[in-house]
Amino acid sequence: MKNLTRSKLSRRNFLIAAGVGGAATAAAIAGRALTADEPKAAASNDKRRGKGYQDTAHVRSYYNTAKV
């Protein structure tokens, strides 16, 4: 009878460990995927990057022609 109880506990521990391991693996992969794109964006030498919206004469003339 002791072996039956021990095997149930062993299976239970295995399933718990497998579930926790799977969740940890998924979190590690998701974390790596999110941080992999950041260095590429920071290394970009695009001169227009970071200026945001600018109200220029060209933009105002487009808005005036697009009015309905």
PDB file of N, CA and C in Angstrom:
ATOM      1  N   MET A   1       0.803  -1.183   0.000  1.00  0.00           N
ATOM      2  CA  MET A   1       0.000   0.000   0.000  1.00  0.00           C
ATOM      3  C   MET A   1       0.856   1.261   0.000  1.00  0.00           C
ATOM      4  N   LYS A   2       2.001   1.213   0.617  1.00  0.00           N
ATOM      5  CA  LYS A   2       2.869   2.390   0.654  1.00  0.00           C
ATOM      6  C   LYS A   2       3.358   2.759  -0.738  1.00  0.00           C
ATOM      7  N   ASN A   3       3.672   1.769  -1.553  1.00  0.00           N
ATOM      8  CA  ASN A   3       4.162   2.053  -2.900  1.00  0.00           C
ATOM      9  C   ASN A   3       3.104   2.745  -3.748  1.00  0.00           C
ATOM     10  N   LEU A   4       1.839   2.384  -3.567  1.00  0.00           N
ATOM     11  CA  LEU A   4       0.757   3.008  -4.319  1.00  0.00           C
ATOM     12  C   LEU A   4       0.637   4.491  -3.955  1.00  0.00           C
ATOM     13  N   THR A   5       0.729   4.817  -2.688  1.00  0.00           N
ATOM     14  CA  THR A   5       0.670   6.210  -2.248  1.00  0.00           C
ATOM     15  C   THR A   5       1.878   6.984  -2.740  1.00  0.00           C
ATOM     16  N   ARG A   6       3.024   6.350  -2.681  1.00  0.00           N
ATOM     17  CA  ARG A   6       4.256   7.011  -3.131  1.00  0.00           C
ATOM     18  C   ARG A   6       4.207   7.280  -4.632  1.00  0.00           C
ATOM     19  N   SER A   7       3.668   6.351  -5.429  1.00  0.00           N
ATOM     20  CA  SER A   7       3.606   6.554  -6.873  1.00  0.00           C
ATOM     21  C   SER A   7       2.606   7.657  -7.226  1.00  0.00           C
ATOM     22  N   LYS A   8       1.499   7.755  -6.485  1.00  0.00           N
ATOM     23  CA  LYS A   8       0.546   8.837  -6.739  1.00  0.00           C
ATOM     24  C   LYS A   8       1.175  10.193  -6.458  1.00  0.00           C
ATOM     25  N   LEU A   9       1.922  10.280  -5.369  1.00  0.00           N
ATOM     26  CA  LEU A   9       2.598  11.529  -5.055  1.00  0.00           C
ATOM     27  C   LEU A   9       3.649  11.845  -6.101  1.00  0.00           C
ATOM     28  N   SER A  10       4.320  10.826  -6.561  1.00  0.00           N
ATOM     29  CA  SER A  10       5.349  11.036  -7.568  1.00  0.00           C
ATOM     30  C   SER A  10       4.728  11.558  -8.861  1.00  0.00           C
ATOM     31  N   ARG A  11       3.616  10.977  -9.282  1.00  0.00           N
ATOM     32  CA  ARG A  11       2.932  11.447 -10.490  1.00  0.00           C
ATOM     33  C   ARG A  11       2.433  12.879 -10.298  1.00  0.00           C
ATOM     34  N   ARG A  12       1.896  13.142  -9.133  1.00  0.00           N
ATOM     35  CA  ARG A  12       1.379  14.479  -8.861  1.00  0.00           C
ATOM     36  C   ARG A  12       2.503  15.504  -8.911  1.00  0.00           C
ATOM     37  N   ASN A  13       3.628  15.191  -8.313  1.00  0.00           N
ATOM     38  CA  ASN A  13       4.772  16.109  -8.337  1.00  0.00           C
ATOM     39  C   ASN A  13       5.290  16.300  -9.754  1.00  0.00           C
ATOM     40  N   PHE A  14       5.290  15.219 -10.530  1.00  0.00           N
ATOM     41  CA  PHE A  14       5.747  15.328 -11.908  1.00  0.00           C
ATOM     42  C   PHE A  14       4.831  16.257 -12.708  1.00  0.00           C
ATOM     43  N   LEU A  15       3.522  16.087 -12.559  1.00  0.00           N
ATOM     44  CA  LEU A  15       2.583  16.920 -13.309  1.00  0.00           C
ATOM     45  C   LEU A  15       2.655  18.380 -12.876  1.00  0.00           C
ATOM     46  N   ILE A  16       2.840  18.616 -11.600  1.00  0.00           N
ATOM     47  CA  ILE A  16       2.995  19.988 -11.116  1.00  0.00           C
ATOM     48  C   ILE A  16       4.263  20.607 -11.683  1.00  0.00           C
ATOM     49  N   ALA A  17       5.351  19.845 -11.646  1.00  0.00           N
ATOM     50  CA  ALA A  17       6.623  20.347 -12.168  1.00  0.00           C
ATOM     51  C   ALA A  17       6.538  20.607 -13.674  1.00  0.00           C
ATOM     52  N   ALA A  18       5.838  19.730 -14.391  1.00  0.00           N
ATOM     53  CA  ALA A  18       5.695  19.919 -15.838  1.00  0.00           C
ATOM     54  C   ALA A  18       4.879  21.174 -16.138  1.00  0.00           C
ATOM     55  N   GLY A  19       3.833  21.412 -15.371  1.00  0.00           N
ATOM     56  CA  GLY A  19       3.017  22.611 -15.583  1.00  0.00           C
ATOM     57  C   GLY A  19       3.773  23.881 -15.275  1.00  0.00           C
ATOM     58  N   VAL A  20       4.497  23.883 -14.182  1.00  0.00           N
ATOM     59  CA  VAL A  20       5.278  25.060 -13.803  1.00  0.00           C
ATOM     60  C   VAL A  20       6.416  25.279 -14.808  1.00  0.00           C
ATOM     61  N   GLY A  21       7.030  24.199 -15.234  1.00  0.00           N
ATOM     62  CA  GLY A  21       8.115  24.315 -16.212  1.00  0.00           C
ATOM     63  C   GLY A  21       7.619  24.852 -17.546  1.00  0.00           C
ATOM     64  N   GLY A  22       6.437  24.411 -17.966  1.00  0.00           N
ATOM     65  CA  GLY A  22       5.862  24.902 -19.219  1.00  0.00           C
ATOM     66  C   GLY A  22       5.534  26.378 -19.140  1.00  0.00           C
ATOM     67  N   ALA A  23       4.987  26.796 -18.015  1.00  0.00           N
ATOM     68  CA  ALA A  23       4.659  28.217 -17.842  1.00  0.00           C
ATOM     69  C   ALA A  23       5.924  29.066 -17.808  1.00  0.00           C
ATOM     70  N   ALA A  24       6.956  28.560 -17.142  1.00  0.00           N
ATOM     71  CA  ALA A  24       8.219  29.305 -17.072  1.00  0.00           C
ATOM     72  C   ALA A  24       8.867  29.401 -18.455  1.00  0.00           C
ATOM     73  N   THR A  25       8.771  28.338 -19.226  1.00  0.00           N
ATOM     74  CA  THR A  25       9.330  28.355 -20.580  1.00  0.00           C
ATOM     75  C   THR A  25       8.590  29.365 -21.451  1.00  0.00           C
ATOM     76  N   ALA A  26       7.268  29.375 -21.367  1.00  0.00           N
ATOM     77  CA  ALA A  26       6.482  30.324 -22.151  1.00  0.00           C
ATOM     78  C   ALA A  26       6.807  31.766 -21.757  1.00  0.00           C
ATOM     79  N   ALA A  27       6.988  32.011 -20.469  1.00  0.00           N
ATOM     80  CA  ALA A  27       7.330  33.360 -20.017  1.00  0.00           C
ATOM     81  C   ALA A  27       8.717  33.773 -20.500  1.00  0.00           C
ATOM     82  N   ALA A  28       9.645  32.836 -20.510  1.00  0.00           N
ATOM     83  CA  ALA A  28      11.000  33.149 -20.965  1.00  0.00           C
ATOM     84  C   ALA A  28      11.011  33.465 -22.458  1.00  0.00           C
ATOM     85  N   ILE A  29      10.253  32.711 -23.226  1.00  0.00           N
ATOM     86  CA  ILE A  29      10.192  32.952 -24.671  1.00  0.00           C
ATOM     87  C   ILE A  29       9.515  34.294 -24.947  1.00  0.00           C
ATOM     88  N   ALA A  30       8.440  34.581 -24.237  1.00  0.00           N
ATOM     89  CA  ALA A  30       7.747  35.859 -24.436  1.00  0.00           C
ATOM     90  C   ALA A  30       8.640  37.024 -24.024  1.00  0.00           C
ATOM     91  N   GLY A  31       9.376  36.866 -22.952  1.00  0.00           N
ATOM     92  CA  GLY A  31      10.287  37.923 -22.509  1.00  0.00           C
ATOM     93  C   GLY A  31      11.399  38.172 -23.498  1.00  0.00           C
ATOM     94  N   ARG A  32      11.907  37.114 -24.088  1.00  0.00           N
ATOM     95  CA  ARG A  32      12.974  37.255 -25.079  1.00  0.00           C
ATOM     96  C   ARG A  32      12.441  37.911 -26.341  1.00  0.00           C
ATOM     97  N   ALA A  33      11.230  37.571 -26.745  1.00  0.00           N
ATOM     98  CA  ALA A  33      10.650  38.142 -27.957  1.00  0.00           C
ATOM     99  C   ALA A  33      10.394  39.634 -27.783  1.00  0.00           C
ATOM    100  N   LEU A  34      10.003  40.063 -26.604  1.00  0.00           N
ATOM    101  CA  LEU A  34       9.730  41.477 -26.376  1.00  0.00           C
ATOM    102  C   LEU A  34      11.003  42.304 -26.298  1.00  0.00           C
ATOM    103  N   THR A  35      12.057  41.774 -25.740  1.00  0.00           N
ATOM    104  CA  THR A  35      13.281  42.544 -25.595  1.00  0.00           C
ATOM    105  C   THR A  35      14.166  42.457 -26.830  1.00  0.00           C
ATOM    106  N   ALA A  36      13.901  41.546 -27.747  1.00  0.00           N
ATOM    107  CA  ALA A  36      14.740  41.408 -28.932  1.00  0.00           C
ATOM    108  C   ALA A  36      14.567  42.591 -29.881  1.00  0.00           C
ATOM    109  N   ASP A  37      13.409  43.221 -29.897  1.00  0.00           N
ATOM    110  CA  ASP A  37      13.156  44.320 -30.819  1.00  0.00           C
ATOM    111  C   ASP A  37      13.700  45.655 -30.323  1.00  0.00           C
ATOM    112  N   GLU A  38      13.907  45.810 -29.045  1.00  0.00           N
ATOM    113  CA  GLU A  38      14.338  47.089 -28.501  1.00  0.00           C
ATOM    114  C   GLU A  38      15.708  47.554 -28.997  1.00  0.00           C
ATOM    115  N   PRO A  39      16.747  46.725 -29.044  1.00  0.00           N
ATOM    116  CA  PRO A  39      18.034  47.215 -29.533  1.00  0.00           C
ATOM    117  C   PRO A  39      17.990  47.673 -30.987  1.00  0.00           C
ATOM    118  N   LYS A  40      17.194  47.021 -31.807  1.00  0.00           N
ATOM    119  CA  LYS A  40      17.088  47.436 -33.199  1.00  0.00           C
ATOM    120  C   LYS A  40      16.491  48.831 -33.303  1.00  0.00           C
ATOM    121  N   ALA A  41      15.479  49.107 -32.514  1.00  0.00           N
ATOM    122  CA  ALA A  41      14.839  50.413 -32.560  1.00  0.00           C
ATOM    123  C   ALA A  41      15.769  51.492 -32.003  1.00  0.00           C
ATOM    124  N   ALA A  42      16.530  51.183 -30.981  1.00  0.00           N
ATOM    125  CA  ALA A  42      17.430  52.155 -30.386  1.00  0.00           C
ATOM    126  C   ALA A  42      18.620  52.442 -31.299  1.00  0.00           C
ATOM    127  N   ALA A  43      19.023  51.484 -32.109  1.00  0.00           N
ATOM    128  CA  ALA A  43      20.176  51.651 -32.979  1.00  0.00           C
ATOM    129  C   ALA A  43      19.827  52.357 -34.282  1.00  0.00           C
ATOM    130  N   SER A  44      18.552  52.603 -34.516  1.00  0.00           N
ATOM    131  CA  SER A  44      18.128  53.247 -35.746  1.00  0.00           C
ATOM    132  C   SER A  44      18.641  54.689 -35.790  1.00  0.00           C
ATOM    133  N   ASN A  45      19.146  55.101 -36.946  1.00  0.00           N
ATOM    134  CA  ASN A  45      19.677  56.455 -37.105  1.00  0.00           C
ATOM    135  C   ASN A  45      18.732  57.321 -37.938  1.00  0.00           C
ATOM    136  N   ASP A  46      17.447  57.024 -37.882  1.00  0.00           N
ATOM    137  CA  ASP A  46      16.467  57.785 -38.639  1.00  0.00           C
ATOM    138  C   ASP A  46      16.372  59.193 -38.052  1.00  0.00           C
ATOM    139  N   LYS A  47      16.629  60.216 -38.867  1.00  0.00           N
ATOM    140  CA  LYS A  47      16.664  61.594 -38.379  1.00  0.00           C
ATOM    141  C   LYS A  47      15.272  62.102 -38.007  1.00  0.00           C
ATOM    142  N   ARG A  48      14.234  61.578 -38.644  1.00  0.00           N
ATOM    143  CA  ARG A  48      12.881  62.049 -38.373  1.00  0.00           C
ATOM    144  C   ARG A  48      12.283  61.394 -37.135  1.00  0.00           C
ATOM    145  N   ARG A  49      12.906  60.389 -36.616  1.00  0.00           N
ATOM    146  CA  ARG A  49      12.351  59.642 -35.498  1.00  0.00           C
ATOM    147  C   ARG A  49      12.337  60.498 -34.230  1.00  0.00           C
ATOM    148  N   GLY A  50      11.246  60.444 -33.494  1.00  0.00           N
ATOM    149  CA  GLY A  50      11.168  61.118 -32.216  1.00  0.00           C
ATOM    150  C   GLY A  50      10.650  62.538 -32.284  1.00  0.00           C
ATOM    151  N   LYS A  51      10.407  63.080 -33.462  1.00  0.00           N
ATOM    152  CA  LYS A  51       9.914  64.452 -33.558  1.00  0.00           C
ATOM    153  C   LYS A  51       8.422  64.521 -33.290  1.00  0.00           C
ATOM    154  N   GLY A  52       7.709  63.453 -33.573  1.00  0.00           N
ATOM    155  CA  GLY A  52       6.275  63.448 -33.340  1.00  0.00           C
ATOM    156  C   GLY A  52       5.539  64.280 -34.379  1.00  0.00           C
ATOM    157  N   TYR A  53       4.328  64.659 -34.054  1.00  0.00           N
ATOM    158  CA  TYR A  53       3.492  65.427 -34.970  1.00  0.00           C
ATOM    159  C   TYR A  53       3.977  66.874 -35.042  1.00  0.00           C
ATOM    160  N   GLN A  54       4.092  67.374 -36.270  1.00  0.00           N
ATOM    161  CA  GLN A  54       4.485  68.768 -36.470  1.00  0.00           C
ATOM    162  C   GLN A  54       3.466  69.439 -37.365  1.00  0.00           C
ATOM    163  N   ASP A  55       2.951  70.555 -36.912  1.00  0.00           N
ATOM    164  CA  ASP A  55       1.987  71.321 -37.690  1.00  0.00           C
ATOM    165  C   ASP A  55       2.759  72.245 -38.614  1.00  0.00           C
ATOM    166  N   THR A  56       2.885  71.826 -39.869  1.00  0.00           N
ATOM    167  CA  THR A  56       3.627  72.624 -40.844  1.00  0.00           C
ATOM    168  C   THR A  56       2.665  73.168 -41.886  1.00  0.00           C
ATOM    169  N   ALA A  57       3.177  74.019 -42.754  1.00  0.00           N
ATOM    170  CA  ALA A  57       2.349  74.590 -43.817  1.00  0.00           C
ATOM    171  C   ALA A  57       1.824  73.490 -44.738  1.00  0.00           C
ATOM    172  N   HIS A  58       2.644  72.496 -44.994  1.00  0.00           N
ATOM    173  CA  HIS A  58       2.239  71.395 -45.853  1.00  0.00           C
ATOM    174  C   HIS A  58       1.077  70.626 -45.233  1.00  0.00           C
ATOM    175  N   VAL A  59       1.142  70.377 -43.948  1.00  0.00           N
ATOM    176  CA  VAL A  59       0.077  69.645 -43.252  1.00  0.00           C
ATOM    177  C   VAL A  59      -1.203  70.476 -43.234  1.00  0.00           C
ATOM    178  N   ARG A  60      -1.091  71.758 -42.945  1.00  0.00           N
ATOM    179  CA  ARG A  60      -2.273  72.620 -42.934  1.00  0.00           C
ATOM    180  C   ARG A  60      -2.918  72.687 -44.313  1.00  0.00           C
ATOM    181  N   SER A  61      -2.113  72.756 -45.375  1.00  0.00           N
ATOM    182  CA  SER A  61      -2.691  72.813 -46.718  1.00  0.00           C
ATOM    183  C   SER A  61      -3.384  71.495 -47.055  1.00  0.00           C
ATOM    184  N   TYR A  62      -2.863  70.375 -46.592  1.00  0.00           N
ATOM    185  CA  TYR A  62      -3.525  69.089 -46.823  1.00  0.00           C
ATOM    186  C   TYR A  62      -4.868  69.059 -46.102  1.00  0.00           C
ATOM    187  N   TYR A  63      -4.903  69.491 -44.848  1.00  0.00           N
ATOM    188  CA  TYR A  63      -6.157  69.507 -44.098  1.00  0.00           C
ATOM    189  C   TYR A  63      -7.174  70.419 -44.755  1.00  0.00           C
ATOM    190  N   ASN A  64      -6.750  71.557 -45.287  1.00  0.00           N
ATOM    191  CA  ASN A  64      -7.676  72.472 -45.961  1.00  0.00           C
ATOM    192  C   ASN A  64      -8.248  71.836 -47.226  1.00  0.00           C
ATOM    193  N   THR A  65      -7.476  71.094 -47.974  1.00  0.00           N
ATOM    194  CA  THR A  65      -7.981  70.459 -49.185  1.00  0.00           C
ATOM    195  C   THR A  65      -8.803  69.220 -48.876  1.00  0.00           C
ATOM    196  N   ALA A  66      -8.631  68.623 -47.703  1.00  0.00           N
ATOM    197  CA  ALA A  66      -9.364  67.397 -47.351  1.00  0.00           C
ATOM    198  C   ALA A  66     -10.688  67.687 -46.660  1.00  0.00           C
ATOM    199  N   LYS A  67     -11.003  68.948 -46.407  1.00  0.00           N
ATOM    200  CA  LYS A  67     -12.270  69.282 -45.749  1.00  0.00           C
ATOM    201  C   LYS A  67     -13.431  68.909 -46.661  1.00  0.00           C
ATOM    202  N   VAL A  68     -14.484  68.455 -46.031  1.00  0.00           N
ATOM    203  CA  VAL A  68     -15.671  68.075 -46.800  1.00  0.00           C
ATOM    204  C   VAL A  68     -16.731  69.113 -46.661  1.00  0.00           C
TER     205      VAL A  68
END
